Amino acid sequence: MTEIISSSHPGALRWRVALLVSSLCVAMGALSWLGDPLTAEVSFLASLALHPYFAASVAVFVLLFCAGIHRRVVAPAIFVSRSAKIRIWVVVPTVQSLY
């Protein structure tokens, strides 16, 4: 089990960095998009055309989630939590049988 978690850690770290960078790009683009006074006056598509950085960062963010980045980022934590549950389940019945 330790080998599985340690081998998945570098890959998960890369995906976490990609998610962090993508999230920061979306946040910075959203601040500029929402701070623009023209956003309220033009249509949604025209507003996105005026802010290509925001539109591109949102598109990349959605593509990352469609590619399954949420599973790749959380996978090591799932391994650890499931192994802890299995370890507790195996240990607890043996301790209770001593009483």
N, C-alpha and C. Protein backbone atom coordinates (compact mmCIF):
# COMPACT_ATOMS: atom_id res chain seq x y z
N MET A 1 0.83 -1.19 0.00
CA MET A 1 0.00 0.00 0.00
C MET A 1 0.88 1.26 0.00
N THR A 2 1.97 1.22 0.73
CA THR A 2 2.84 2.38 0.80
C THR A 2 3.44 2.71 -0.56
N GLU A 3 3.74 1.66 -1.33
CA GLU A 3 4.32 1.88 -2.65
C GLU A 3 3.32 2.56 -3.58
N ILE A 4 2.07 2.19 -3.46
CA ILE A 4 1.03 2.80 -4.31
C ILE A 4 0.89 4.28 -3.99
N ILE A 5 0.85 4.60 -2.71
CA ILE A 5 0.69 6.01 -2.32
C ILE A 5 1.92 6.82 -2.69
N SER A 6 3.11 6.29 -2.44
CA SER A 6 4.32 7.05 -2.75
C SER A 6 4.53 7.21 -4.25
N SER A 7 4.11 6.23 -5.04
CA SER A 7 4.28 6.36 -6.49
C SER A 7 3.25 7.31 -7.10
N SER A 8 2.10 7.47 -6.46
CA SER A 8 1.09 8.38 -7.00
C SER A 8 1.30 9.81 -6.54
N HIS A 9 2.15 10.02 -5.54
CA HIS A 9 2.33 11.37 -4.99
C HIS A 9 2.91 12.38 -5.98
N PRO A 10 4.01 12.08 -6.73
CA PRO A 10 4.52 13.08 -7.68
C PRO A 10 3.51 13.45 -8.76
N GLY A 11 2.77 12.48 -9.25
CA GLY A 11 1.74 12.78 -10.25
C GLY A 11 0.63 13.64 -9.68
N ALA A 12 0.23 13.33 -8.46
CA ALA A 12 -0.82 14.11 -7.81
C ALA A 12 -0.35 15.53 -7.54
N LEU A 13 0.93 15.68 -7.21
CA LEU A 13 1.47 17.02 -6.97
C LEU A 13 1.43 17.86 -8.24
N ARG A 14 1.78 17.25 -9.37
CA ARG A 14 1.72 17.98 -10.65
C ARG A 14 0.29 18.40 -10.96
N TRP A 15 -0.68 17.51 -10.73
CA TRP A 15 -2.07 17.86 -11.00
C TRP A 15 -2.57 18.93 -10.03
N ARG A 16 -2.09 18.90 -8.78
CA ARG A 16 -2.48 19.95 -7.82
C ARG A 16 -1.94 21.30 -8.24
N VAL A 17 -0.71 21.33 -8.75
CA VAL A 17 -0.13 22.58 -9.23
C VAL A 17 -0.91 23.08 -10.44
N ALA A 18 -1.27 22.17 -11.35
CA ALA A 18 -2.05 22.57 -12.52
C ALA A 18 -3.41 23.12 -12.10
N LEU A 19 -4.03 22.49 -11.12
CA LEU A 19 -5.33 22.98 -10.63
C LEU A 19 -5.18 24.33 -9.94
N LEU A 20 -4.12 24.50 -9.17
CA LEU A 20 -3.88 25.77 -8.49
C LEU A 20 -3.66 26.90 -9.49
N VAL A 21 -2.81 26.66 -10.48
CA VAL A 21 -2.54 27.68 -11.50
C VAL A 21 -3.81 28.02 -12.28
N SER A 22 -4.55 27.01 -12.65
CA SER A 22 -5.79 27.24 -13.39
C SER A 22 -6.80 28.01 -12.54
N SER A 23 -6.90 27.67 -11.27
CA SER A 23 -7.83 28.37 -10.38
C SER A 23 -7.44 29.83 -10.20
N LEU A 24 -6.14 30.09 -10.06
CA LEU A 24 -5.68 31.47 -9.92
C LEU A 24 -5.94 32.27 -11.20
N CYS A 25 -5.75 31.65 -12.36
CA CYS A 25 -6.03 32.34 -13.63
C CYS A 25 -7.51 32.67 -13.75
N VAL A 26 -8.37 31.74 -13.36
CA VAL A 26 -9.81 32.00 -13.41
C VAL A 26 -10.17 33.12 -12.44
N ALA A 27 -9.59 33.11 -11.24
CA ALA A 27 -9.91 34.14 -10.24
C ALA A 27 -9.45 35.52 -10.71
N MET A 28 -8.24 35.61 -11.26
CA MET A 28 -7.75 36.91 -11.73
C MET A 28 -8.56 37.39 -12.93
N GLY A 29 -8.90 36.47 -13.83
CA GLY A 29 -9.73 36.85 -14.97
C GLY A 29 -11.12 37.27 -14.55
N ALA A 30 -11.67 36.60 -13.53
CA ALA A 30 -13.01 36.96 -13.05
C ALA A 30 -13.01 38.34 -12.42
N LEU A 31 -11.94 38.67 -11.70
CA LEU A 31 -11.87 40.01 -11.11
C LEU A 31 -11.86 41.10 -12.18
N SER A 32 -11.10 40.89 -13.23
CA SER A 32 -11.07 41.90 -14.30
C SER A 32 -12.38 41.91 -15.09
N TRP A 33 -12.97 40.74 -15.26
CA TRP A 33 -14.23 40.65 -16.01
C TRP A 33 -15.36 41.33 -15.25
N LEU A 34 -15.46 41.05 -13.95
CA LEU A 34 -16.54 41.64 -13.15
C LEU A 34 -16.29 43.11 -12.83
N GLY A 35 -15.04 43.52 -12.83
CA GLY A 35 -14.73 44.92 -12.57
C GLY A 35 -14.91 45.82 -13.78
N ASP A 36 -15.13 45.25 -14.94
CA ASP A 36 -15.31 46.03 -16.16
C ASP A 36 -16.74 46.58 -16.21
N PRO A 37 -16.93 47.88 -16.36
CA PRO A 37 -18.28 48.44 -16.42
C PRO A 37 -19.06 48.02 -17.67
N LEU A 38 -18.35 47.62 -18.72
CA LEU A 38 -19.04 47.19 -19.94
C LEU A 38 -19.72 45.84 -19.78
N THR A 39 -19.33 45.07 -18.77
CA THR A 39 -19.89 43.73 -18.58
C THR A 39 -21.41 43.78 -18.41
N ALA A 40 -21.89 44.78 -17.71
CA ALA A 40 -23.33 44.90 -17.46
C ALA A 40 -24.09 45.45 -18.66
N GLU A 41 -23.39 46.06 -19.58
CA GLU A 41 -24.06 46.73 -20.70
C GLU A 41 -24.12 45.88 -21.97
N VAL A 42 -23.21 44.96 -22.15
CA VAL A 42 -23.18 44.16 -23.38
C VAL A 42 -23.68 42.75 -23.07
N SER A 43 -23.90 41.98 -24.13
CA SER A 43 -24.37 40.61 -23.94
C SER A 43 -23.25 39.75 -23.33
N PHE A 44 -23.65 38.57 -22.88
CA PHE A 44 -22.70 37.67 -22.23
C PHE A 44 -21.57 37.28 -23.17
N LEU A 45 -21.91 36.88 -24.40
CA LEU A 45 -20.89 36.46 -25.36
C LEU A 45 -19.98 37.62 -25.77
N ALA A 46 -20.56 38.80 -25.89
CA ALA A 46 -19.74 39.97 -26.22
C ALA A 46 -18.80 40.30 -25.06
N SER A 47 -19.28 40.13 -23.85
CA SER A 47 -18.44 40.37 -22.68
C SER A 47 -17.30 39.38 -22.62
N LEU A 48 -17.57 38.11 -22.93
CA LEU A 48 -16.49 37.12 -22.98
C LEU A 48 -15.50 37.42 -24.09
N ALA A 49 -16.00 37.93 -25.20
CA ALA A 49 -15.10 38.30 -26.31
C ALA A 49 -14.20 39.47 -25.92
N LEU A 50 -14.70 40.35 -25.05
CA LEU A 50 -13.89 41.47 -24.58
C LEU A 50 -12.82 41.02 -23.56
N HIS A 51 -13.02 39.86 -22.97
CA HIS A 51 -12.09 39.34 -21.96
C HIS A 51 -11.64 37.93 -22.34
N PRO A 52 -10.78 37.82 -23.34
CA PRO A 52 -10.36 36.49 -23.81
C PRO A 52 -9.54 35.73 -22.77
N TYR A 53 -8.80 36.42 -21.90
CA TYR A 53 -8.02 35.75 -20.86
C TYR A 53 -8.95 34.97 -19.92
N PHE A 54 -10.03 35.60 -19.50
CA PHE A 54 -11.00 34.95 -18.63
C PHE A 54 -11.69 33.79 -19.35
N ALA A 55 -12.09 34.01 -20.58
CA ALA A 55 -12.78 32.97 -21.34
C ALA A 55 -11.88 31.76 -21.56
N ALA A 56 -10.62 32.00 -21.88
CA ALA A 56 -9.68 30.89 -22.10
C ALA A 56 -9.38 30.15 -20.80
N SER A 57 -9.22 30.88 -19.71
CA SER A 57 -8.91 30.22 -18.44
C SER A 57 -10.09 29.40 -17.93
N VAL A 58 -11.31 29.88 -18.14
CA VAL A 58 -12.49 29.10 -17.76
C VAL A 58 -12.59 27.85 -18.63
N ALA A 59 -12.30 27.98 -19.92
CA ALA A 59 -12.35 26.82 -20.82
C ALA A 59 -11.33 25.77 -20.40
N VAL A 60 -10.12 26.19 -20.06
CA VAL A 60 -9.09 25.25 -19.61
C VAL A 60 -9.50 24.61 -18.29
N PHE A 61 -10.08 25.40 -17.39
CA PHE A 61 -10.53 24.89 -16.09
C PHE A 61 -11.60 23.82 -16.28
N VAL A 62 -12.55 24.06 -17.16
CA VAL A 62 -13.61 23.08 -17.42
C VAL A 62 -13.02 21.83 -18.08
N LEU A 63 -12.10 22.01 -19.01
CA LEU A 63 -11.46 20.85 -19.65
C LEU A 63 -10.67 20.01 -18.65
N LEU A 64 -10.00 20.66 -17.70
CA LEU A 64 -9.28 19.92 -16.67
C LEU A 64 -10.23 19.07 -15.84
N PHE A 65 -11.38 19.62 -15.49
CA PHE A 65 -12.34 18.84 -14.71
C PHE A 65 -12.98 17.74 -15.54
N CYS A 66 -13.19 17.99 -16.83
CA CYS A 66 -13.72 16.93 -17.70
C CYS A 66 -12.68 15.80 -17.88
N ALA A 67 -11.41 16.16 -17.82
CA ALA A 67 -10.34 15.16 -17.94
C ALA A 67 -10.15 14.38 -16.64
N GLY A 68 -10.82 14.78 -15.57
CA GLY A 68 -10.76 14.05 -14.32
C GLY A 68 -9.70 14.52 -13.35
N ILE A 69 -9.38 15.81 -13.37
CA ILE A 69 -8.36 16.32 -12.46
C ILE A 69 -8.80 16.18 -11.01
N HIS A 70 -10.09 16.25 -10.75
CA HIS A 70 -10.56 16.13 -9.37
C HIS A 70 -10.26 14.75 -8.80
N ARG A 71 -10.32 13.71 -9.63
CA ARG A 71 -9.97 12.36 -9.16
C ARG A 71 -8.47 12.22 -8.97
N ARG A 72 -7.68 12.82 -9.86
CA ARG A 72 -6.23 12.69 -9.76
C ARG A 72 -5.67 13.45 -8.57
N VAL A 73 -6.29 14.55 -8.22
CA VAL A 73 -5.82 15.34 -7.08
C VAL A 73 -6.18 14.67 -5.76
N VAL A 74 -7.35 14.06 -5.69
CA VAL A 74 -7.85 13.51 -4.44
C VAL A 74 -7.46 12.03 -4.27
N ALA A 75 -6.95 11.39 -5.29
CA ALA A 75 -6.66 9.95 -5.25
C ALA A 75 -5.77 9.53 -4.08
N PRO A 76 -4.64 10.19 -3.80
CA PRO A 76 -3.83 9.76 -2.66
C PRO A 76 -4.58 9.85 -1.33
N ALA A 77 -5.40 10.86 -1.16
CA ALA A 77 -6.18 10.98 0.07
C ALA A 77 -7.21 9.86 0.17
N ILE A 78 -7.77 9.45 -0.95
CA ILE A 78 -8.73 8.34 -0.96
C ILE A 78 -8.02 7.05 -0.57
N PHE A 79 -6.82 6.81 -1.10
CA PHE A 79 -6.05 5.63 -0.74
C PHE A 79 -5.81 5.57 0.76
N VAL A 80 -5.38 6.69 1.33
CA VAL A 80 -5.06 6.73 2.75
C VAL A 80 -6.31 6.51 3.60
N SER A 81 -7.41 7.19 3.26
CA SER A 81 -8.62 7.06 4.07
C SER A 81 -9.20 5.65 3.98
N ARG A 82 -9.16 5.04 2.82
CA ARG A 82 -9.69 3.68 2.69
C ARG A 82 -8.82 2.68 3.41
N SER A 83 -7.51 2.86 3.34
CA SER A 83 -6.64 1.93 4.06
C SER A 83 -6.80 2.10 5.57
N ALA A 84 -7.03 3.32 6.04
CA ALA A 84 -7.26 3.53 7.47
C ALA A 84 -8.56 2.88 7.90
N LYS A 85 -9.60 2.97 7.08
CA LYS A 85 -10.88 2.33 7.41
C LYS A 85 -10.72 0.81 7.46
N ILE A 86 -9.98 0.26 6.52
CA ILE A 86 -9.77 -1.19 6.50
C ILE A 86 -8.96 -1.61 7.73
N ARG A 87 -7.93 -0.85 8.06
CA ARG A 87 -7.10 -1.17 9.21
C ARG A 87 -7.93 -1.11 10.49
N ILE A 88 -8.77 -0.11 10.65
CA ILE A 88 -9.62 0.01 11.84
C ILE A 88 -10.62 -1.14 11.88
N TRP A 89 -11.20 -1.47 10.75
CA TRP A 89 -12.20 -2.53 10.71
C TRP A 89 -11.58 -3.88 11.06
N VAL A 90 -10.35 -4.11 10.64
CA VAL A 90 -9.69 -5.38 10.92
C VAL A 90 -9.22 -5.43 12.37
N VAL A 91 -8.74 -4.33 12.92
CA VAL A 91 -8.20 -4.32 14.27
C VAL A 91 -9.31 -4.34 15.32
N VAL A 92 -10.36 -3.59 15.12
CA VAL A 92 -11.41 -3.45 16.13
C VAL A 92 -12.09 -4.78 16.45
N PRO A 93 -12.50 -5.60 15.49
CA PRO A 93 -13.12 -6.88 15.88
C PRO A 93 -12.18 -7.79 16.66
N THR A 94 -10.90 -7.78 16.37
CA THR A 94 -9.99 -8.64 17.12
C THR A 94 -9.83 -8.15 18.55
N VAL A 95 -9.85 -6.82 18.76
CA VAL A 95 -9.74 -6.29 20.12
C VAL A 95 -11.01 -6.60 20.89
N GLN A 96 -12.16 -6.50 20.29
CA GLN A 96 -13.42 -6.76 20.97
C GLN A 96 -13.56 -8.24 21.31
N SER A 97 -12.95 -9.12 20.53
CA SER A 97 -13.08 -10.54 20.81
C SER A 97 -12.29 -10.96 22.05
N LEU A 98 -11.37 -10.10 22.51
CA LEU A 98 -10.60 -10.42 23.72
C LEU A 98 -11.43 -10.25 24.99
N TYR A 99 -12.50 -9.48 24.93
CA TYR A 99 -13.30 -9.22 26.13
C TYR A 99 -14.32 -10.27 26.34
